C-alpha atoms as a PDB file:
ATOM      1  CA  UNK A   1     -16.923   0.936 -24.716  1.00  0.00           C
ATOM      2  CA  UNK A   2     -17.134   2.716 -28.081  1.00  0.00           C
ATOM      3  CA  UNK A   3     -13.928   2.725 -29.991  1.00  0.00           C
ATOM      4  CA  UNK A   4     -15.143   5.639 -32.075  1.00  0.00           C
ATOM      5  CA  UNK A   5     -15.283   7.945 -29.073  1.00  0.00           C
ATOM      6  CA  UNK A   6     -12.721  10.814 -29.418  1.00  0.00           C
ATOM      7  CA  UNK A   7     -11.869  10.336 -25.735  1.00  0.00           C
ATOM      8  CA  UNK A   8     -10.928   6.648 -26.384  1.00  0.00           C
ATOM      9  CA  UNK A   9      -8.187   7.311 -28.924  1.00  0.00           C
ATOM     10  CA  UNK A  10      -5.411   5.691 -26.904  1.00  0.00           C
ATOM     11  CA  UNK A  11      -7.452   2.534 -26.387  1.00  0.00           C
ATOM     12  CA  UNK A  12      -8.539   2.345 -29.994  1.00  0.00           C
ATOM     13  CA  UNK A  13      -5.087   2.799 -31.469  1.00  0.00           C
ATOM     14  CA  UNK A  14      -3.374   0.821 -28.684  1.00  0.00           C
ATOM     15  CA  UNK A  15      -5.529  -2.212 -29.585  1.00  0.00           C
ATOM     16  CA  UNK A  16      -4.695  -1.760 -33.291  1.00  0.00           C
ATOM     17  CA  UNK A  17      -1.022  -1.508 -32.614  1.00  0.00           C
ATOM     18  CA  UNK A  18      -1.125  -4.607 -30.324  1.00  0.00           C
ATOM     19  CA  UNK A  19      -2.993  -6.525 -32.916  1.00  0.00           C
ATOM     20  CA  UNK A  20      -0.401  -5.553 -35.510  1.00  0.00           C
ATOM     21  CA  UNK A  21       2.474  -6.519 -33.250  1.00  0.00           C
ATOM     22  CA  UNK A  22       0.830  -9.892 -32.486  1.00  0.00           C
ATOM     23  CA  UNK A  23       0.189 -10.528 -36.127  1.00  0.00           C
ATOM     24  CA  UNK A  24       3.806  -9.667 -37.026  1.00  0.00           C
ATOM     25  CA  UNK A  25       5.080 -11.948 -34.248  1.00  0.00           C
ATOM     26  CA  UNK A  26       2.854 -14.845 -35.415  1.00  0.00           C
ATOM     27  CA  UNK A  27       3.872 -14.378 -39.041  1.00  0.00           C
ATOM     28  CA  UNK A  28       7.567 -14.393 -38.177  1.00  0.00           C
ATOM     29  CA  UNK A  29       7.004 -17.499 -36.072  1.00  0.00           C
ATOM     30  CA  UNK A  30       5.167 -19.229 -38.910  1.00  0.00           C
ATOM     31  CA  UNK A  31       7.879 -18.467 -41.505  1.00  0.00           C
ATOM     32  CA  UNK A  32      10.614 -19.448 -39.054  1.00  0.00           C
ATOM     33  CA  UNK A  33      12.174 -16.001 -38.593  1.00  0.00           C
ATOM     34  CA  UNK A  34      11.271 -15.500 -34.984  1.00  0.00           C
ATOM     35  CA  UNK A  35      14.872 -16.074 -33.841  1.00  0.00           C
ATOM     36  CA  UNK A  36      16.190 -13.062 -35.807  1.00  0.00           C
ATOM     37  CA  UNK A  37      16.346 -10.287 -33.139  1.00  0.00           C
ATOM     38  CA  UNK A  38      16.986  -7.655 -35.839  1.00  0.00           C
ATOM     39  CA  UNK A  39      13.356  -8.088 -37.032  1.00  0.00           C
ATOM     40  CA  UNK A  40      12.203  -6.574 -33.667  1.00  0.00           C
ATOM     41  CA  UNK A  41      13.107  -3.211 -35.171  1.00  0.00           C
ATOM     42  CA  UNK A  42       9.995  -3.551 -37.305  1.00  0.00           C
ATOM     43  CA  UNK A  43       8.040  -3.424 -34.046  1.00  0.00           C
ATOM     44  CA  UNK A  44       9.341   0.155 -33.707  1.00  0.00           C
ATOM     45  CA  UNK A  45       7.943   0.945 -37.174  1.00  0.00           C
ATOM     46  CA  UNK A  46       4.492  -0.487 -36.265  1.00  0.00           C
ATOM     47  CA  UNK A  47       4.516   1.490 -32.970  1.00  0.00           C
ATOM     48  CA  UNK A  48       5.573   4.708 -34.688  1.00  0.00           C
ATOM     49  CA  UNK A  49       2.896   4.441 -37.391  1.00  0.00           C
ATOM     50  CA  UNK A  50       0.233   3.660 -34.762  1.00  0.00           C
ATOM     51  CA  UNK A  51       1.231   6.555 -32.513  1.00  0.00           C
ATOM     52  CA  UNK A  52       1.346   8.885 -35.490  1.00  0.00           C
ATOM     53  CA  UNK A  53      -2.182   7.804 -36.602  1.00  0.00           C
ATOM     54  CA  UNK A  54      -3.475   8.228 -33.067  1.00  0.00           C
ATOM     55  CA  UNK A  55      -2.141  11.824 -32.846  1.00  0.00           C
ATOM     56  CA  UNK A  56      -3.560  12.577 -36.324  1.00  0.00           C
ATOM     57  CA  UNK A  57      -6.916  11.233 -35.202  1.00  0.00           C
ATOM     58  CA  UNK A  58      -6.768  13.304 -31.997  1.00  0.00           C
ATOM     59  CA  UNK A  59      -6.017  16.477 -34.019  1.00  0.00           C
ATOM     60  CA  UNK A  60      -8.867  15.672 -36.428  1.00  0.00           C
ATOM     61  CA  UNK A  61     -11.461  15.074 -33.721  1.00  0.00           C
ATOM     62  CA  UNK A  62     -10.520  18.144 -31.730  1.00  0.00           C
ATOM     63  CA  UNK A  63     -10.985  20.806 -34.433  1.00  0.00           C
ATOM     64  CA  UNK A  64      -7.338  20.597 -35.611  1.00  0.00           C
ATOM     65  CA  UNK A  65      -6.113  21.510 -32.028  1.00  0.00           C
ATOM     66  CA  UNK A  66      -3.279  19.430 -30.649  1.00  0.00           C
ATOM     67  CA  UNK A  67      -1.873  20.739 -27.461  1.00  0.00           C
ATOM     68  CA  UNK A  68       1.746  19.514 -26.979  1.00  0.00           C
ATOM     69  CA  UNK A  69       1.186  18.043 -23.506  1.00  0.00           C
ATOM     70  CA  UNK A  70      -2.168  16.469 -24.355  1.00  0.00           C
ATOM     71  CA  UNK A  71      -0.524  14.960 -27.490  1.00  0.00           C
ATOM     72  CA  UNK A  72       2.317  13.591 -25.261  1.00  0.00           C
ATOM     73  CA  UNK A  73      -0.222  11.967 -22.994  1.00  0.00           C
ATOM     74  CA  UNK A  74      -2.183  10.547 -25.914  1.00  0.00           C
ATOM     75  CA  UNK A  75       0.838   9.125 -27.630  1.00  0.00           C
ATOM     76  CA  UNK A  76       2.431   7.588 -24.520  1.00  0.00           C
ATOM     77  CA  UNK A  77      -0.915   6.170 -23.380  1.00  0.00           C
ATOM     78  CA  UNK A  78      -1.419   4.607 -26.868  1.00  0.00           C
ATOM     79  CA  UNK A  79       1.987   3.027 -26.797  1.00  0.00           C
ATOM     80  CA  UNK A  80       1.566   1.900 -23.127  1.00  0.00           C
ATOM     81  CA  UNK A  81      -1.710   0.156 -23.880  1.00  0.00           C
ATOM     82  CA  UNK A  82      -0.298  -1.546 -26.940  1.00  0.00           C
ATOM     83  CA  UNK A  83       2.812  -2.649 -25.102  1.00  0.00           C
ATOM     84  CA  UNK A  84       0.831  -3.969 -22.137  1.00  0.00           C
ATOM     85  CA  UNK A  85      -1.431  -6.069 -24.363  1.00  0.00           C
ATOM     86  CA  UNK A  86       1.536  -7.331 -26.469  1.00  0.00           C
ATOM     87  CA  UNK A  87       3.426  -8.176 -23.273  1.00  0.00           C
ATOM     88  CA  UNK A  88       0.481 -10.161 -21.911  1.00  0.00           C
ATOM     89  CA  UNK A  89       0.204 -11.971 -25.215  1.00  0.00           C
ATOM     90  CA  UNK A  90       3.892 -12.872 -25.146  1.00  0.00           C
ATOM     91  CA  UNK A  91       3.697 -14.006 -21.555  1.00  0.00           C
ATOM     92  CA  UNK A  92       0.848 -16.423 -22.398  1.00  0.00           C
ATOM     93  CA  UNK A  93       2.653 -17.585 -25.494  1.00  0.00           C
ATOM     94  CA  UNK A  94       5.873 -18.199 -23.635  1.00  0.00           C
ATOM     95  CA  UNK A  95       3.934 -20.168 -21.009  1.00  0.00           C
ATOM     96  CA  UNK A  96       2.353 -22.312 -23.717  1.00  0.00           C
ATOM     97  CA  UNK A  97       5.426 -22.669 -25.939  1.00  0.00           C
ATOM     98  CA  UNK A  98       8.232 -23.793 -23.782  1.00  0.00           C
ATOM     99  CA  UNK A  99      10.580 -24.010 -26.837  1.00  0.00           C
ATOM    100  CA  UNK A 100      10.433 -20.199 -27.255  1.00  0.00           C
ATOM    101  CA  UNK A 101      11.363 -19.576 -23.611  1.00  0.00           C
ATOM    102  CA  UNK A 102      14.104 -22.200 -23.771  1.00  0.00           C
ATOM    103  CA  UNK A 103      15.455 -20.599 -26.984  1.00  0.00           C
ATOM    104  CA  UNK A 104      15.608 -17.240 -25.221  1.00  0.00           C
ATOM    105  CA  UNK A 105      17.391 -18.783 -22.197  1.00  0.00           C
ATOM    106  CA  UNK A 106      19.890 -20.576 -24.466  1.00  0.00           C
ATOM    107  CA  UNK A 107      20.630 -17.746 -26.926  1.00  0.00           C
ATOM    108  CA  UNK A 108      20.396 -14.474 -25.115  1.00  0.00           C
ATOM    109  CA  UNK A 109      23.399 -13.179 -23.104  1.00  0.00           C
ATOM    110  CA  UNK A 110      21.320 -12.714 -19.890  1.00  0.00           C
ATOM    111  CA  UNK A 111      18.913 -15.542 -20.826  1.00  0.00           C
ATOM    112  CA  UNK A 112      19.694 -17.798 -17.919  1.00  0.00           C
ATOM    113  CA  UNK A 113      18.323 -15.168 -15.607  1.00  0.00           C
ATOM    114  CA  UNK A 114      15.029 -14.818 -17.410  1.00  0.00           C
ATOM    115  CA  UNK A 115      11.638 -16.420 -17.091  1.00  0.00           C
ATOM    116  CA  UNK A 116       8.347 -15.680 -18.819  1.00  0.00           C
ATOM    117  CA  UNK A 117       7.425 -13.029 -16.305  1.00  0.00           C
ATOM    118  CA  UNK A 118      10.604 -11.040 -16.626  1.00  0.00           C
ATOM    119  CA  UNK A 119      10.777 -11.442 -20.393  1.00  0.00           C
ATOM    120  CA  UNK A 120       7.170 -10.141 -20.780  1.00  0.00           C
ATOM    121  CA  UNK A 121       7.843  -7.309 -18.325  1.00  0.00           C
ATOM    122  CA  UNK A 122      10.978  -6.289 -20.349  1.00  0.00           C
ATOM    123  CA  UNK A 123       8.917  -6.206 -23.518  1.00  0.00           C
ATOM    124  CA  UNK A 124       6.265  -3.994 -21.902  1.00  0.00           C
ATOM    125  CA  UNK A 125       8.963  -1.650 -20.477  1.00  0.00           C
ATOM    126  CA  UNK A 126      10.725  -1.532 -23.805  1.00  0.00           C
ATOM    127  CA  UNK A 127       7.492  -0.739 -25.677  1.00  0.00           C
ATOM    128  CA  UNK A 128       6.515   1.980 -23.139  1.00  0.00           C
ATOM    129  CA  UNK A 129       9.835   3.765 -23.386  1.00  0.00           C
ATOM    130  CA  UNK A 130       9.977   3.368 -27.122  1.00  0.00           C
ATOM    131  CA  UNK A 131       6.497   4.894 -27.281  1.00  0.00           C
ATOM    132  CA  UNK A 132       7.710   7.804 -25.142  1.00  0.00           C
ATOM    133  CA  UNK A 133      10.599   8.445 -27.524  1.00  0.00           C
ATOM    134  CA  UNK A 134       8.490   7.988 -30.641  1.00  0.00           C
ATOM    135  CA  UNK A 135       5.818  10.382 -29.285  1.00  0.00           C
ATOM    136  CA  UNK A 136       8.407  12.959 -28.420  1.00  0.00           C
ATOM    137  CA  UNK A 137       9.931  12.771 -31.946  1.00  0.00           C
ATOM    138  CA  UNK A 138       6.585  12.894 -33.723  1.00  0.00           C
ATOM    139  CA  UNK A 139       5.257  15.829 -31.548  1.00  0.00           C
ATOM    140  CA  UNK A 140       8.339  17.838 -32.489  1.00  0.00           C
ATOM    141  CA  UNK A 141       7.820  17.033 -36.172  1.00  0.00           C
ATOM    142  CA  UNK A 142       4.079  17.842 -36.490  1.00  0.00           C
ATOM    143  CA  UNK A 143       2.484  21.138 -35.747  1.00  0.00           C
ATOM    144  CA  UNK A 144       1.009  21.528 -32.249  1.00  0.00           C
ATOM    145  CA  UNK A 145      -0.797  24.437 -30.597  1.00  0.00           C
ATOM    146  CA  UNK A 146       1.109  26.972 -28.635  1.00  0.00           C
ATOM    147  CA  UNK A 147       1.472  25.902 -25.011  1.00  0.00           C
ATOM    148  CA  UNK A 148       0.270  29.215 -23.669  1.00  0.00           C
ATOM    149  CA  UNK A 149      -2.791  29.456 -26.038  1.00  0.00           C
ATOM    150  CA  UNK A 150      -6.007  28.427 -24.162  1.00  0.00           C
ATOM    151  CA  UNK A 151      -8.295  26.179 -26.178  1.00  0.00           C
ATOM    152  CA  UNK A 152     -11.585  27.662 -24.997  1.00  0.00           C
ATOM    153  CA  UNK A 153     -11.109  31.290 -26.209  1.00  0.00           C
ATOM    154  CA  UNK A 154     -11.247  32.721 -29.692  1.00  0.00           C
ATOM    155  CA  UNK A 155      -8.233  34.607 -30.851  1.00  0.00           C
END
């Protein structure tokens, strides 16, 4: 799989976003700030920058054309891939580090009902819907092609 392929933009940028999220998580864990839930907002910043860069790359590789619906698919797919990979990482991490899972169970309001499977699923779901919202906002901020304008005809 070539990550430079213009048809692989969601995979390429999804992997980059996931790597950034994992790195941020590990840094926060190393410096002892992983228990601050407010720092999770930085995950949204990482996701937003990654989706924006994916849409920018899509527009660049497709002769400055960005159809709104194709952009929506690209952005959501990018965020979905990143969220899925990050969720799998967290699942494995919580299975290996019982202290993290126990901390979640002890400190979160609904923690006693959680296990590693549900917690990782919630992270994936949260990332997917955050990506949907971020993509929607970005696509309304950047210039896209007219919906009714076909790409294969010259105007």
